C-alpha atoms as a PDB file:
ATOM      1  CA  MET A   1     -33.161  28.044  25.397  1.00  0.00           C
ATOM      2  CA  ASN A   2     -31.087  26.426  22.584  1.00  0.00           C
ATOM      3  CA  LYS A   3     -30.181  22.734  22.337  1.00  0.00           C
ATOM      4  CA  ARG A   4     -26.733  23.347  23.819  1.00  0.00           C
ATOM      5  CA  SER A   5     -28.111  25.121  26.913  1.00  0.00           C
ATOM      6  CA  THR A   6     -30.756  22.504  27.269  1.00  0.00           C
ATOM      7  CA  ARG A   7     -28.173  19.658  27.151  1.00  0.00           C
ATOM      8  CA  ARG A   8     -26.041  21.491  29.713  1.00  0.00           C
ATOM      9  CA  LEU A   9     -29.071  21.682  32.055  1.00  0.00           C
ATOM     10  CA  PHE A  10     -29.803  18.060  31.425  1.00  0.00           C
ATOM     11  CA  PHE A  11     -26.176  16.991  32.248  1.00  0.00           C
ATOM     12  CA  TYR A  12     -26.229  19.155  35.328  1.00  0.00           C
ATOM     13  CA  LEU A  13     -29.424  17.585  36.760  1.00  0.00           C
ATOM     14  CA  ILE A  14     -28.499  13.973  35.761  1.00  0.00           C
ATOM     15  CA  GLY A  15     -25.009  14.494  37.262  1.00  0.00           C
ATOM     16  CA  ILE A  16     -26.464  15.656  40.652  1.00  0.00           C
ATOM     17  CA  ILE A  17     -28.934  12.775  40.689  1.00  0.00           C
ATOM     18  CA  VAL A  18     -26.308  10.113  39.898  1.00  0.00           C
ATOM     19  CA  MET A  19     -23.760  11.700  42.272  1.00  0.00           C
ATOM     20  CA  THR A  20     -26.121  11.821  45.255  1.00  0.00           C
ATOM     21  CA  PHE A  21     -27.174   8.166  44.650  1.00  0.00           C
ATOM     22  CA  GLY A  22     -23.484   7.313  44.992  1.00  0.00           C
ATOM     23  CA  ILE A  23     -23.209   9.482  48.175  1.00  0.00           C
ATOM     24  CA  ALA A  24     -26.104   7.608  49.652  1.00  0.00           C
ATOM     25  CA  LEU A  25     -24.486   4.226  49.018  1.00  0.00           C
ATOM     26  CA  THR A  26     -21.238   5.355  50.697  1.00  0.00           C
ATOM     27  CA  ILE A  27     -23.381   6.442  53.696  1.00  0.00           C
ATOM     28  CA  HIS A  28     -25.116   3.054  53.805  1.00  0.00           C
ATOM     29  CA  SER A  29     -21.826   1.217  53.473  1.00  0.00           C
ATOM     30  CA  GLN A  30     -20.972   2.068  57.195  1.00  0.00           C
ATOM     31  CA  LEU A  31     -17.254   2.064  56.227  1.00  0.00           C
ATOM     32  CA  GLY A  32     -16.893   5.802  56.066  1.00  0.00           C
ATOM     33  CA  THR A  33     -17.757   8.510  53.573  1.00  0.00           C
ATOM     34  CA  SER A  34     -15.921  11.367  51.948  1.00  0.00           C
ATOM     35  CA  PRO A  35     -14.669  14.109  54.283  1.00  0.00           C
ATOM     36  CA  PHE A  36     -17.374  16.507  53.303  1.00  0.00           C
ATOM     37  CA  ASP A  37     -20.201  13.984  53.650  1.00  0.00           C
ATOM     38  CA  ALA A  38     -18.672  12.730  56.900  1.00  0.00           C
ATOM     39  CA  LEU A  39     -19.244  16.287  58.260  1.00  0.00           C
ATOM     40  CA  LEU A  40     -22.851  16.254  57.024  1.00  0.00           C
ATOM     41  CA  VAL A  41     -23.590  12.950  58.631  1.00  0.00           C
ATOM     42  CA  GLY A  42     -21.848  14.061  61.867  1.00  0.00           C
ATOM     43  CA  LEU A  43     -23.974  17.237  62.094  1.00  0.00           C
ATOM     44  CA  TYR A  44     -27.001  15.171  61.490  1.00  0.00           C
ATOM     45  CA  ARG A  45     -26.171  12.776  64.295  1.00  0.00           C
ATOM     46  CA  THR A  46     -25.430  15.587  66.669  1.00  0.00           C
ATOM     47  CA  PHE A  47     -28.067  18.160  65.936  1.00  0.00           C
ATOM     48  CA  GLY A  48     -30.869  16.311  63.989  1.00  0.00           C
ATOM     49  CA  LEU A  49     -32.397  17.661  60.878  1.00  0.00           C
ATOM     50  CA  THR A  50     -31.435  15.587  57.790  1.00  0.00           C
ATOM     51  CA  ILE A  51     -28.167  14.945  55.969  1.00  0.00           C
ATOM     52  CA  GLY A  52     -29.448  16.820  52.974  1.00  0.00           C
ATOM     53  CA  SER A  53     -30.495  19.788  55.085  1.00  0.00           C
ATOM     54  CA  TRP A  54     -26.925  20.085  56.385  1.00  0.00           C
ATOM     55  CA  GLU A  55     -25.637  19.919  52.802  1.00  0.00           C
ATOM     56  CA  ILE A  56     -27.662  23.062  52.163  1.00  0.00           C
ATOM     57  CA  VAL A  57     -26.441  24.807  55.403  1.00  0.00           C
ATOM     58  CA  VAL A  58     -22.764  23.974  54.919  1.00  0.00           C
ATOM     59  CA  GLY A  59     -22.994  24.761  51.239  1.00  0.00           C
ATOM     60  CA  PHE A  60     -24.489  28.107  51.978  1.00  0.00           C
ATOM     61  CA  SER A  61     -21.798  28.749  54.577  1.00  0.00           C
ATOM     62  CA  MET A  62     -19.128  27.979  51.970  1.00  0.00           C
ATOM     63  CA  ILE A  63     -20.769  30.352  49.463  1.00  0.00           C
ATOM     64  CA  LEU A  64     -20.737  33.161  51.957  1.00  0.00           C
ATOM     65  CA  PHE A  65     -17.069  32.428  52.850  1.00  0.00           C
ATOM     66  CA  ASN A  66     -16.173  32.416  49.177  1.00  0.00           C
ATOM     67  CA  ALA A  67     -17.907  35.721  48.639  1.00  0.00           C
ATOM     68  CA  ILE A  68     -16.240  37.388  51.610  1.00  0.00           C
ATOM     69  CA  ALA A  69     -12.860  35.979  50.783  1.00  0.00           C
ATOM     70  CA  GLU A  70     -12.994  37.136  47.123  1.00  0.00           C
ATOM     71  CA  LYS A  71     -14.902  40.371  48.024  1.00  0.00           C
ATOM     72  CA  LYS A  72     -17.564  39.458  45.388  1.00  0.00           C
ATOM     73  CA  ARG A  73     -21.313  38.928  45.480  1.00  0.00           C
ATOM     74  CA  PRO A  74     -22.426  35.379  46.375  1.00  0.00           C
ATOM     75  CA  GLU A  75     -22.791  32.956  43.601  1.00  0.00           C
ATOM     76  CA  TYR A  76     -26.500  32.225  43.614  1.00  0.00           C
ATOM     77  CA  LEU A  77     -26.186  29.408  41.131  1.00  0.00           C
ATOM     78  CA  ALA A  78     -23.923  27.727  43.634  1.00  0.00           C
ATOM     79  CA  LEU A  79     -26.743  27.885  46.125  1.00  0.00           C
ATOM     80  CA  LEU A  80     -28.981  26.090  43.523  1.00  0.00           C
ATOM     81  CA  THR A  81     -26.426  23.284  43.462  1.00  0.00           C
ATOM     82  CA  ALA A  82     -26.423  22.958  47.192  1.00  0.00           C
ATOM     83  CA  LEU A  83     -30.302  22.926  47.358  1.00  0.00           C
ATOM     84  CA  LEU A  84     -30.543  20.275  44.631  1.00  0.00           C
ATOM     85  CA  THR A  85     -27.760  18.139  46.101  1.00  0.00           C
ATOM     86  CA  GLY A  86     -29.306  18.272  49.645  1.00  0.00           C
ATOM     87  CA  PHE A  87     -32.719  17.352  48.241  1.00  0.00           C
ATOM     88  CA  PHE A  88     -31.529  14.360  46.311  1.00  0.00           C
ATOM     89  CA  ILE A  89     -29.278  13.124  49.105  1.00  0.00           C
ATOM     90  CA  ASP A  90     -32.335  12.835  51.384  1.00  0.00           C
ATOM     91  CA  ILE A  91     -34.380  11.234  48.613  1.00  0.00           C
ATOM     92  CA  TRP A  92     -31.754   8.586  48.006  1.00  0.00           C
ATOM     93  CA  VAL A  93     -30.860   7.943  51.599  1.00  0.00           C
ATOM     94  CA  PHE A  94     -34.441   7.374  52.687  1.00  0.00           C
ATOM     95  CA  SER A  95     -35.540   5.526  49.625  1.00  0.00           C
ATOM     96  CA  THR A  96     -32.545   3.080  49.466  1.00  0.00           C
ATOM     97  CA  GLU A  97     -32.134   2.451  53.184  1.00  0.00           C
ATOM     98  CA  SER A  98     -34.182  -0.768  53.188  1.00  0.00           C
ATOM     99  CA  TYR A  99     -32.297  -2.166  50.074  1.00  0.00           C
ATOM    100  CA  PHE A 100     -28.743  -1.310  51.093  1.00  0.00           C
ATOM    101  CA  THR A 101     -28.176  -2.301  54.672  1.00  0.00           C
ATOM    102  CA  PRO A 102     -25.036  -4.526  54.329  1.00  0.00           C
ATOM    103  CA  GLU A 103     -24.307  -6.590  57.363  1.00  0.00           C
ATOM    104  CA  THR A 104     -21.029  -8.320  56.326  1.00  0.00           C
ATOM    105  CA  TRP A 105     -17.731  -6.642  55.555  1.00  0.00           C
ATOM    106  CA  GLY A 106     -17.863  -7.893  51.960  1.00  0.00           C
ATOM    107  CA  LEU A 107     -21.270  -6.369  51.327  1.00  0.00           C
ATOM    108  CA  GLN A 108     -20.208  -3.154  52.967  1.00  0.00           C
ATOM    109  CA  MET A 109     -17.222  -2.917  50.688  1.00  0.00           C
ATOM    110  CA  THR A 110     -19.328  -3.702  47.686  1.00  0.00           C
ATOM    111  CA  CYS A 111     -21.706  -0.911  48.724  1.00  0.00           C
ATOM    112  CA  LEU A 112     -18.831   1.473  49.246  1.00  0.00           C
ATOM    113  CA  LEU A 113     -17.283   0.758  45.791  1.00  0.00           C
ATOM    114  CA  MET A 114     -20.593   1.102  44.113  1.00  0.00           C
ATOM    115  CA  GLY A 115     -21.018   4.458  45.810  1.00  0.00           C
ATOM    116  CA  LEU A 116     -17.509   5.534  44.626  1.00  0.00           C
ATOM    117  CA  PHE A 117     -18.432   4.466  41.072  1.00  0.00           C
ATOM    118  CA  PHE A 118     -21.763   6.382  40.909  1.00  0.00           C
ATOM    119  CA  ALA A 119     -20.519   9.441  42.777  1.00  0.00           C
ATOM    120  CA  GLY A 120     -17.518   9.641  40.353  1.00  0.00           C
ATOM    121  CA  LEU A 121     -19.698   9.184  37.324  1.00  0.00           C
ATOM    122  CA  GLY A 122     -22.171  11.815  38.612  1.00  0.00           C
ATOM    123  CA  ILE A 123     -19.397  14.383  39.236  1.00  0.00           C
ATOM    124  CA  ALA A 124     -17.928  13.814  35.793  1.00  0.00           C
ATOM    125  CA  ILE A 125     -21.299  14.417  34.168  1.00  0.00           C
ATOM    126  CA  ASN A 126     -21.850  17.476  36.310  1.00  0.00           C
ATOM    127  CA  LEU A 127     -18.426  18.840  35.365  1.00  0.00           C
ATOM    128  CA  GLN A 128     -19.213  18.343  31.640  1.00  0.00           C
ATOM    129  CA  ALA A 129     -22.378  20.462  32.118  1.00  0.00           C
ATOM    130  CA  ASP A 130     -20.337  23.412  33.409  1.00  0.00           C
ATOM    131  CA  PHE A 131     -23.677  24.922  34.482  1.00  0.00           C
ATOM    132  CA  ALA A 132     -23.447  25.979  38.124  1.00  0.00           C
ATOM    133  CA  PRO A 133     -20.445  25.843  40.468  1.00  0.00           C
ATOM    134  CA  ASN A 134     -20.115  23.435  43.428  1.00  0.00           C
ATOM    135  CA  PRO A 135     -19.608  25.365  46.689  1.00  0.00           C
ATOM    136  CA  PHE A 136     -16.860  22.833  47.848  1.00  0.00           C
ATOM    137  CA  ASP A 137     -14.997  23.093  44.478  1.00  0.00           C
ATOM    138  CA  ARG A 138     -15.258  26.942  44.557  1.00  0.00           C
ATOM    139  CA  THR A 139     -13.874  26.968  48.117  1.00  0.00           C
ATOM    140  CA  MET A 140     -10.943  24.845  46.965  1.00  0.00           C
ATOM    141  CA  LEU A 141     -10.112  27.455  44.270  1.00  0.00           C
ATOM    142  CA  VAL A 142     -10.503  30.318  46.820  1.00  0.00           C
ATOM    143  CA  VAL A 143      -8.065  28.576  49.221  1.00  0.00           C
ATOM    144  CA  LYS A 144      -5.717  28.086  46.223  1.00  0.00           C
ATOM    145  CA  ASN A 145      -5.800  31.817  45.410  1.00  0.00           C
ATOM    146  CA  LEU A 146      -5.399  32.916  49.049  1.00  0.00           C
ATOM    147  CA  THR A 147      -2.512  30.539  49.865  1.00  0.00           C
ATOM    148  CA  GLY A 148      -0.747  30.215  46.547  1.00  0.00           C
ATOM    149  CA  LEU A 149      -0.923  26.375  46.913  1.00  0.00           C
ATOM    150  CA  ASN A 150      -1.812  24.193  43.926  1.00  0.00           C
ATOM    151  CA  VAL A 151      -5.253  22.629  43.511  1.00  0.00           C
ATOM    152  CA  SER A 152      -4.290  19.197  44.891  1.00  0.00           C
ATOM    153  CA  ILE A 153      -2.850  20.572  48.007  1.00  0.00           C
ATOM    154  CA  SER A 154      -5.577  23.016  48.530  1.00  0.00           C
ATOM    155  CA  ARG A 155      -8.149  20.149  48.213  1.00  0.00           C
ATOM    156  CA  SER A 156      -6.218  17.977  50.572  1.00  0.00           C
ATOM    157  CA  LEU A 157      -5.933  20.831  53.107  1.00  0.00           C
ATOM    158  CA  ILE A 158      -9.743  21.308  53.075  1.00  0.00           C
ATOM    159  CA  SER A 159     -10.303  17.625  53.385  1.00  0.00           C
ATOM    160  CA  VAL A 160      -8.055  17.388  56.461  1.00  0.00           C
ATOM    161  CA  VAL A 161      -9.952  20.241  58.087  1.00  0.00           C
ATOM    162  CA  LEU A 162     -13.305  18.644  57.256  1.00  0.00           C
ATOM    163  CA  VAL A 163     -12.169  15.248  58.678  1.00  0.00           C
ATOM    164  CA  ILE A 164     -11.050  16.844  61.948  1.00  0.00           C
ATOM    165  CA  ILE A 165     -14.425  18.741  62.226  1.00  0.00           C
ATOM    166  CA  ALA A 166     -16.354  15.615  61.353  1.00  0.00           C
ATOM    167  CA  PHE A 167     -14.453  13.603  63.945  1.00  0.00           C
ATOM    168  CA  PHE A 168     -15.565  15.945  66.757  1.00  0.00           C
ATOM    169  CA  PHE A 169     -19.274  15.624  65.513  1.00  0.00           C
ATOM    170  CA  ASN A 170     -18.998  11.790  65.330  1.00  0.00           C
ATOM    171  CA  GLY A 171     -18.958  11.673  61.604  1.00  0.00           C
ATOM    172  CA  PRO A 172     -18.509   8.397  59.760  1.00  0.00           C
ATOM    173  CA  ILE A 173     -14.703   8.345  59.221  1.00  0.00           C
ATOM    174  CA  GLY A 174     -13.117   5.104  58.407  1.00  0.00           C
ATOM    175  CA  LEU A 175     -11.525   2.935  55.710  1.00  0.00           C
ATOM    176  CA  GLY A 176     -14.107   4.189  53.206  1.00  0.00           C
ATOM    177  CA  THR A 177     -12.967   7.786  53.845  1.00  0.00           C
ATOM    178  CA  LEU A 178      -9.393   6.872  52.872  1.00  0.00           C
ATOM    179  CA  ILE A 179     -10.434   4.942  49.806  1.00  0.00           C
ATOM    180  CA  ILE A 180     -12.669   7.728  48.629  1.00  0.00           C
ATOM    181  CA  THR A 181     -10.050  10.358  49.262  1.00  0.00           C
ATOM    182  CA  LEU A 182      -7.396   8.479  47.354  1.00  0.00           C
ATOM    183  CA  PHE A 183      -9.470   7.124  44.407  1.00  0.00           C
ATOM    184  CA  SER A 184     -12.263   9.519  43.827  1.00  0.00           C
ATOM    185  CA  GLY A 185     -10.118  11.700  41.616  1.00  0.00           C
ATOM    186  CA  VAL A 186      -9.069   8.712  39.473  1.00  0.00           C
ATOM    187  CA  VAL A 187     -12.621   7.508  39.007  1.00  0.00           C
ATOM    188  CA  ILE A 188     -13.783  11.098  38.063  1.00  0.00           C
ATOM    189  CA  HIS A 189     -10.951  11.478  35.575  1.00  0.00           C
ATOM    190  CA  PHE A 190     -11.744   8.102  34.019  1.00  0.00           C
ATOM    191  CA  PHE A 191     -15.425   8.973  33.428  1.00  0.00           C
ATOM    192  CA  MET A 192     -14.775  12.510  32.286  1.00  0.00           C
ATOM    193  CA  HIS A 193     -13.121  11.134  29.164  1.00  0.00           C
ATOM    194  CA  TYR A 194     -16.203   9.050  28.126  1.00  0.00           C
ATOM    195  CA  VAL A 195     -18.685  11.727  29.174  1.00  0.00           C
ATOM    196  CA  SER A 196     -16.838  14.203  27.004  1.00  0.00           C
ATOM    197  CA  LEU A 197     -16.890  11.829  24.012  1.00  0.00           C
ATOM    198  CA  PHE A 198     -20.655  11.267  24.525  1.00  0.00           C
ATOM    199  CA  ASP A 199     -21.184  15.068  24.712  1.00  0.00           C
ATOM    200  CA  ASP A 200     -19.149  15.574  21.497  1.00  0.00           C
ATOM    201  CA  ALA A 201     -21.215  12.924  19.733  1.00  0.00           C
ATOM    202  CA  LEU A 202     -24.420  14.645  20.729  1.00  0.00           C
ATOM    203  CA  THR A 203     -23.010  18.003  19.541  1.00  0.00           C
ATOM    204  CA  LYS A 204     -22.070  16.585  16.138  1.00  0.00           C
ATOM    205  CA  LYS A 205     -25.437  14.945  15.757  1.00  0.00           C
ATOM    206  CA  SER A 206     -27.174  18.225  16.588  1.00  0.00           C
ATOM    207  CA  ASN A 207     -24.960  20.157  14.124  1.00  0.00           C
ATOM    208  CA  LYS A 208     -25.792  17.725  11.382  1.00  0.00           C
ATOM    209  CA  GLU A 209     -29.521  18.019  12.018  1.00  0.00           C
ATOM    210  CA  ALA A 210     -29.226  21.833  12.064  1.00  0.00           C
ATOM    211  CA  SER A 211     -27.270  21.781   8.754  1.00  0.00           C
ATOM    212  CA  ARG A 212     -29.932  19.530   7.233  1.00  0.00           C
ATOM    213  CA  VAL A 213     -32.698  21.931   8.254  1.00  0.00           C
ATOM    214  CA  HIS A 214     -30.922  24.954   6.896  1.00  0.00           C
ATOM    215  CA  SER A 215     -30.268  23.235   3.601  1.00  0.00           C
ATOM    216  CA  MET A 216     -33.933  22.502   3.021  1.00  0.00           C
END
């Protein structure tokens, strides 16, 4: 594995770890989570298991849907993303529960905004890795191709469906859901610029080191 591939894998793993930490904070905020996470929590409340386990189940279901809709073989790397995301969601939810139990509205909002910050940063890092597809993002593209709608409308359509389903399973839908839906894209876009600059800097440094070695 060359340095570029190693860095992509590093970005991929760090992105998932940071993103799931942010997801855990939004869950602890008790103000509402993203539509997708609201469904996971709702399924956990209704049927048991863990939130991370439902991430894997729902992610796998999306992978199968995508494969059937596109008449292609399932993307196994997407399953890896679902497995790792589910694993780290459970790790963070359980390990931070005693530290992030906000009892006032101000603390809840702080916890939510911190979650939005870290989730956005993690997604930006993960996107920079371009290593393995996210089942939700792939489903968004499938819906786009099937309906002819643009990416934004396709994502909004999926989010509405997820909120409706989460509602029936008593998922945490609230002010936080609205804030995350409206501003997560802005936060991700903001961090993508700086993550890209950091990656470019690492690439230039690596190229300089390689040129120095070859010149010796």
